[in-house]
Amino acid sequence: MDKLLKVMRKLRSKSGCPWDRKQTLDSLRRCLLEEAHEVLEAISLKNKHKIEEELGDLLVVISMLIAMGEEKKLFSKKTILKRAISKMISRHPHVFGNKKAKSAEEAFEYWTAAKMQEKKRAGEKSILEDLSYHYPSLLLAYKFQRKVARVGFDWKKAVDVVRKIEEELRELKAELKTGKKPRVKEELGDFLFSAVNLARKLNIDPEIALKDAVRKFKKRFLFVEKQVRSSGRDWKDYQLAELEEYWNSAKKHGKMRV
């Protein structure tokens, strides 16, 4: 890590790279997000070499941010690590203290309690204060719901959330009949928010679930696309019902391969 930081400092120096010197904390936000998503994709593919490569790319961006922070005397590797170590110790009293945790759930309760105490000492008035709207929307909804659930503002069972989804769907259908786009948009948002809530209740990450659904869609569409090419006909020559037949074949084809 020290060698990597040395490389970053060299790239940022007057004898370094013009592109790297031009970067700022703000300009690297997008790079950080993209690299994090690429790590997630590599993990989803269970490709150990790709995971190693993408984690390295992520560390490069993090190292660049640290080098920038040191230049501006905002923070340093030492202050970042000191804070991280302190946080890990304080939030694990069942490991570094005299508390006992018999399950992952109990350990998470200790983590949450310690985190809330930290926020109280910092003067934060709401448990939602530290949530950033820079998160992707699905993840942001998930985080909001997890936060409020920790203080008891939550559905008791997943089936309760299903009923809420059904209610939101009825309201969305009603607004679709009116044709008023702002109201349709609002109800669609409520429907999606409830769907995320169900994912959380089932201990499923909605971001990953949706990404897997997109990946599955891609595989099936590629099958449909192949059938269209093989037929020698153009897309516009097809009726939707015919394309749906290809789609259903793609679903069967995928199941047979599994």
Protein backbone atom coordinates (compact mmCIF):
# COMPACT_ATOMS: atom_id res chain seq x y z
CA MET A 1 0.00 0.00 0.00
CA ASP A 2 2.86 2.36 0.78
CA LYS A 3 4.39 1.60 -2.64
CA LEU A 4 1.05 2.30 -4.34
CA LEU A 5 0.73 5.64 -2.51
CA LYS A 6 4.28 6.49 -3.59
CA VAL A 7 3.26 5.85 -7.21
CA MET A 8 0.17 8.08 -6.78
CA ARG A 9 2.25 10.89 -5.31
CA LYS A 10 4.66 10.63 -8.24
CA LEU A 11 1.76 10.78 -10.73
CA ARG A 12 0.45 13.90 -8.97
CA SER A 13 3.84 15.61 -8.92
CA LYS A 14 5.09 18.22 -11.42
CA SER A 15 7.08 15.50 -13.20
CA GLY A 16 4.08 13.17 -13.18
CA CYS A 17 1.06 12.68 -15.44
CA PRO A 18 -0.94 15.72 -16.71
CA TRP A 19 -4.22 13.76 -16.49
CA ASP A 20 -3.60 12.64 -12.90
CA ARG A 21 -2.53 16.15 -11.86
CA LYS A 22 -5.76 17.53 -13.31
CA GLN A 23 -7.99 15.29 -11.18
CA THR A 24 -9.81 16.55 -8.07
CA LEU A 25 -11.77 14.90 -5.26
CA ASP A 26 -14.95 15.75 -7.17
CA SER A 27 -13.76 14.44 -10.53
CA LEU A 28 -12.81 11.08 -9.01
CA ARG A 29 -16.28 10.45 -7.57
CA ARG A 30 -17.45 8.88 -10.81
CA CYS A 31 -14.30 6.73 -11.09
CA LEU A 32 -14.81 5.51 -7.53
CA LEU A 33 -18.41 4.54 -8.22
CA GLU A 34 -17.56 2.81 -11.50
CA GLU A 35 -14.72 0.80 -9.96
CA ALA A 36 -16.92 -0.26 -7.04
CA HIS A 37 -19.58 -1.51 -9.47
CA GLU A 38 -16.94 -3.42 -11.43
CA VAL A 39 -15.87 -5.15 -8.22
CA LEU A 40 -19.51 -6.13 -7.63
CA GLU A 41 -19.78 -7.50 -11.15
CA ALA A 42 -16.59 -9.56 -10.75
CA ILE A 43 -17.91 -10.99 -7.47
CA SER A 44 -21.22 -11.85 -9.16
CA LEU A 45 -19.31 -13.71 -11.88
CA LYS A 46 -17.27 -15.55 -9.19
CA ASN A 47 -14.13 -14.87 -11.25
CA LYS A 48 -11.27 -14.74 -8.74
CA HIS A 49 -8.80 -13.22 -11.20
CA LYS A 50 -11.28 -10.52 -12.18
CA ILE A 51 -12.07 -9.82 -8.50
CA GLU A 52 -8.35 -9.41 -7.81
CA GLU A 53 -7.95 -7.06 -10.78
CA GLU A 54 -10.99 -4.93 -9.96
CA LEU A 55 -10.07 -4.66 -6.27
CA GLY A 56 -6.67 -3.41 -7.42
CA ASP A 57 -8.33 -0.78 -9.61
CA LEU A 58 -10.49 0.28 -6.68
CA LEU A 59 -7.41 0.60 -4.47
CA VAL A 60 -5.78 2.79 -7.14
CA VAL A 61 -8.67 5.27 -6.95
CA ILE A 62 -8.66 5.17 -3.13
CA SER A 63 -4.89 5.76 -3.11
CA MET A 64 -5.29 8.71 -5.46
CA LEU A 65 -7.92 10.20 -3.14
CA ILE A 66 -5.59 9.75 -0.16
CA ALA A 67 -2.72 11.41 -2.06
CA MET A 68 -4.99 14.37 -2.87
CA GLY A 69 -6.10 14.63 0.75
CA GLU A 70 -2.49 14.72 1.89
CA GLU A 71 -1.65 17.45 -0.63
CA LYS A 72 -4.44 19.67 0.67
CA LYS A 73 -3.79 18.63 4.29
CA LEU A 74 -7.40 17.45 4.59
CA PHE A 75 -6.56 13.92 5.72
CA SER A 76 -3.84 11.29 5.40
CA LYS A 77 -3.37 7.55 5.31
CA LYS A 78 -2.58 7.67 9.03
CA THR A 79 -5.75 9.57 10.03
CA ILE A 80 -7.95 7.39 7.79
CA LEU A 81 -6.58 4.14 9.21
CA LYS A 82 -6.68 5.43 12.79
CA ARG A 83 -10.36 6.30 12.42
CA ALA A 84 -11.19 2.99 10.71
CA ILE A 85 -9.42 0.94 13.41
CA SER A 86 -11.10 2.89 16.21
CA LYS A 87 -14.53 2.41 14.61
CA MET A 88 -14.07 -1.35 14.14
CA ILE A 89 -13.03 -1.81 17.76
CA SER A 90 -15.81 0.34 19.25
CA ARG A 91 -18.50 -1.34 17.14
CA HIS A 92 -17.40 -4.85 18.13
CA PRO A 93 -17.69 -4.83 21.94
CA HIS A 94 -18.44 -8.58 21.73
CA VAL A 95 -14.95 -9.11 20.29
CA PHE A 96 -12.80 -6.36 21.86
CA GLY A 97 -14.88 -5.81 25.01
CA ASN A 98 -16.78 -7.82 27.59
CA LYS A 99 -20.00 -8.30 25.62
CA LYS A 100 -21.09 -11.66 24.18
CA ALA A 101 -22.79 -12.27 20.83
CA LYS A 102 -24.25 -15.73 20.18
CA SER A 103 -25.48 -14.92 16.66
CA ALA A 104 -24.88 -12.61 13.71
CA GLU A 105 -28.15 -10.82 14.56
CA GLU A 106 -26.99 -10.12 18.12
CA ALA A 107 -23.62 -8.89 16.84
CA PHE A 108 -25.43 -6.54 14.45
CA GLU A 109 -27.45 -5.14 17.38
CA TYR A 110 -24.21 -4.24 19.15
CA TRP A 111 -22.94 -2.60 15.94
CA THR A 112 -26.14 -0.56 15.60
CA ALA A 113 -26.15 0.52 19.26
CA ALA A 114 -22.51 1.63 19.05
CA LYS A 115 -23.17 3.54 15.83
CA MET A 116 -26.16 5.35 17.33
CA GLN A 117 -24.07 6.35 20.35
CA GLU A 118 -21.41 7.76 18.01
CA LYS A 119 -24.02 9.84 16.21
CA LYS A 120 -25.48 11.05 19.50
CA ARG A 121 -22.05 12.23 20.64
CA ALA A 122 -21.54 13.94 17.25
CA GLY A 123 -24.79 15.86 17.79
CA GLU A 124 -26.80 14.28 14.97
CA LYS A 125 -30.52 14.72 15.61
CA SER A 126 -31.90 12.16 13.16
CA ILE A 127 -30.92 8.57 12.37
CA LEU A 128 -31.32 9.51 8.69
CA GLU A 129 -28.86 12.43 8.72
CA ASP A 130 -25.87 10.55 7.34
CA LEU A 131 -27.67 9.09 4.31
CA SER A 132 -26.45 10.57 1.04
CA TYR A 133 -28.63 11.02 -2.04
CA HIS A 134 -25.56 10.13 -4.12
CA TYR A 135 -26.39 6.44 -3.64
CA PRO A 136 -28.16 4.66 -6.52
CA SER A 137 -31.92 4.92 -5.91
CA LEU A 138 -32.51 1.25 -5.08
CA LEU A 139 -29.65 1.24 -2.59
CA LEU A 140 -30.78 4.56 -1.08
CA ALA A 141 -34.32 3.22 -0.50
CA TYR A 142 -32.85 0.04 1.00
CA LYS A 143 -30.64 2.04 3.39
CA PHE A 144 -33.51 4.30 4.50
CA GLN A 145 -35.68 1.29 5.23
CA ARG A 146 -32.94 -0.51 7.16
CA LYS A 147 -32.31 2.60 9.26
CA VAL A 148 -35.92 3.05 10.35
CA ALA A 149 -36.36 -0.71 10.89
CA ARG A 150 -33.63 -0.62 13.53
CA VAL A 151 -35.81 1.58 15.74
CA GLY A 152 -38.89 -0.61 15.23
CA PHE A 153 -40.54 1.24 12.30
CA ASP A 154 -41.02 -1.89 10.22
CA TRP A 155 -43.51 -4.45 8.97
CA LYS A 156 -43.67 -7.60 11.09
CA LYS A 157 -43.75 -10.09 8.22
CA ALA A 158 -42.88 -10.18 4.52
CA VAL A 159 -46.52 -10.97 3.68
CA ASP A 160 -47.47 -7.56 5.14
CA VAL A 161 -45.15 -5.90 2.62
CA VAL A 162 -46.71 -7.97 -0.19
CA ARG A 163 -50.12 -6.55 0.77
CA LYS A 164 -48.61 -3.06 0.68
CA ILE A 165 -47.22 -3.72 -2.81
CA GLU A 166 -50.65 -4.87 -3.96
CA GLU A 167 -52.16 -1.68 -2.50
CA GLU A 168 -49.57 0.48 -4.28
CA LEU A 169 -50.22 -1.39 -7.54
CA ARG A 170 -53.97 -0.66 -7.27
CA GLU A 171 -53.21 3.03 -6.72
CA LEU A 172 -50.83 3.04 -9.70
CA LYS A 173 -53.48 1.46 -11.93
CA ALA A 174 -56.02 4.08 -10.83
CA GLU A 175 -53.64 6.93 -11.71
CA LEU A 176 -52.80 5.36 -15.08
CA LYS A 177 -56.48 5.75 -15.98
CA THR A 178 -56.34 9.48 -15.23
CA GLY A 179 -53.31 9.96 -17.49
CA LYS A 180 -51.80 12.52 -15.11
CA LYS A 181 -48.07 11.86 -15.43
CA PRO A 182 -46.92 13.54 -12.17
CA ARG A 183 -49.34 11.38 -10.16
CA VAL A 184 -48.39 8.25 -12.14
CA LYS A 185 -44.73 8.99 -11.43
CA GLU A 186 -45.43 9.40 -7.72
CA GLU A 187 -47.39 6.15 -7.47
CA LEU A 188 -44.77 4.28 -9.49
CA GLY A 189 -42.15 5.53 -7.04
CA ASP A 190 -44.25 4.28 -4.12
CA PHE A 191 -44.62 0.90 -5.83
CA LEU A 192 -40.85 0.59 -6.37
CA PHE A 193 -40.15 1.70 -2.79
CA SER A 194 -42.45 -1.04 -1.50
CA ALA A 195 -40.77 -3.62 -3.76
CA VAL A 196 -37.40 -2.66 -2.25
CA ASN A 197 -38.94 -3.04 1.20
CA LEU A 198 -39.97 -6.61 0.36
CA ALA A 199 -36.43 -7.39 -0.79
CA ARG A 200 -35.06 -6.06 2.50
CA LYS A 201 -37.59 -8.09 4.49
CA LEU A 202 -36.50 -11.23 2.61
CA ASN A 203 -32.81 -10.39 3.23
CA ILE A 204 -32.24 -9.93 -0.52
CA ASP A 205 -30.13 -7.04 -1.82
CA PRO A 206 -32.44 -5.33 -4.37
CA GLU A 207 -29.51 -3.87 -6.31
CA ILE A 208 -28.01 -7.32 -6.89
CA ALA A 209 -31.44 -8.92 -7.50
CA LEU A 210 -32.22 -6.37 -10.22
CA LYS A 211 -28.77 -6.70 -11.76
CA ASP A 212 -29.23 -10.49 -11.92
CA ALA A 213 -32.62 -9.93 -13.57
CA VAL A 214 -31.01 -7.65 -16.17
CA ARG A 215 -28.33 -10.26 -16.82
CA LYS A 216 -31.03 -12.92 -17.30
CA PHE A 217 -32.94 -10.58 -19.62
CA LYS A 218 -29.82 -10.05 -21.71
CA LYS A 219 -29.26 -13.80 -22.15
CA ARG A 220 -32.85 -14.35 -23.23
CA PHE A 221 -32.88 -11.39 -25.59
CA LEU A 222 -29.65 -12.56 -27.21
CA PHE A 223 -31.42 -15.87 -27.90
CA VAL A 224 -34.37 -14.01 -29.47
CA GLU A 225 -31.97 -11.85 -31.49
CA LYS A 226 -30.22 -14.96 -32.79
CA GLN A 227 -33.54 -16.48 -33.92
CA VAL A 228 -34.48 -13.28 -35.74
CA ARG A 229 -31.12 -13.17 -37.54
CA SER A 230 -31.39 -16.85 -38.47
CA SER A 231 -34.86 -16.31 -39.95
CA GLY A 232 -33.57 -13.78 -42.48
CA ARG A 233 -36.47 -11.47 -41.60
CA ASP A 234 -36.27 -7.93 -40.25
CA TRP A 235 -37.46 -6.98 -36.76
CA LYS A 236 -40.22 -4.83 -38.22
CA ASP A 237 -41.62 -7.86 -40.05
CA TYR A 238 -42.40 -9.59 -36.76
CA GLN A 239 -45.57 -9.42 -34.70
CA LEU A 240 -45.05 -9.22 -30.94
CA ALA A 241 -46.71 -12.63 -30.51
CA GLU A 242 -44.04 -14.22 -32.70
CA LEU A 243 -41.23 -12.61 -30.72
CA GLU A 244 -42.85 -13.81 -27.51
CA GLU A 245 -42.66 -17.37 -28.85
CA TYR A 246 -38.91 -16.93 -29.25
CA TRP A 247 -38.78 -15.45 -25.74
CA ASN A 248 -40.59 -18.44 -24.26
CA SER A 249 -38.20 -20.73 -26.12
CA ALA A 250 -35.32 -18.79 -24.59
CA LYS A 251 -36.77 -19.39 -21.11
CA LYS A 252 -37.06 -23.13 -21.80
CA HIS A 253 -33.59 -23.20 -23.32
CA GLY A 254 -32.15 -21.56 -20.18
CA LYS A 255 -33.87 -24.05 -17.88
CA MET A 256 -32.58 -27.00 -19.91
CA ARG A 257 -29.03 -25.64 -19.69
CA VAL A 258 -29.35 -25.28 -15.91
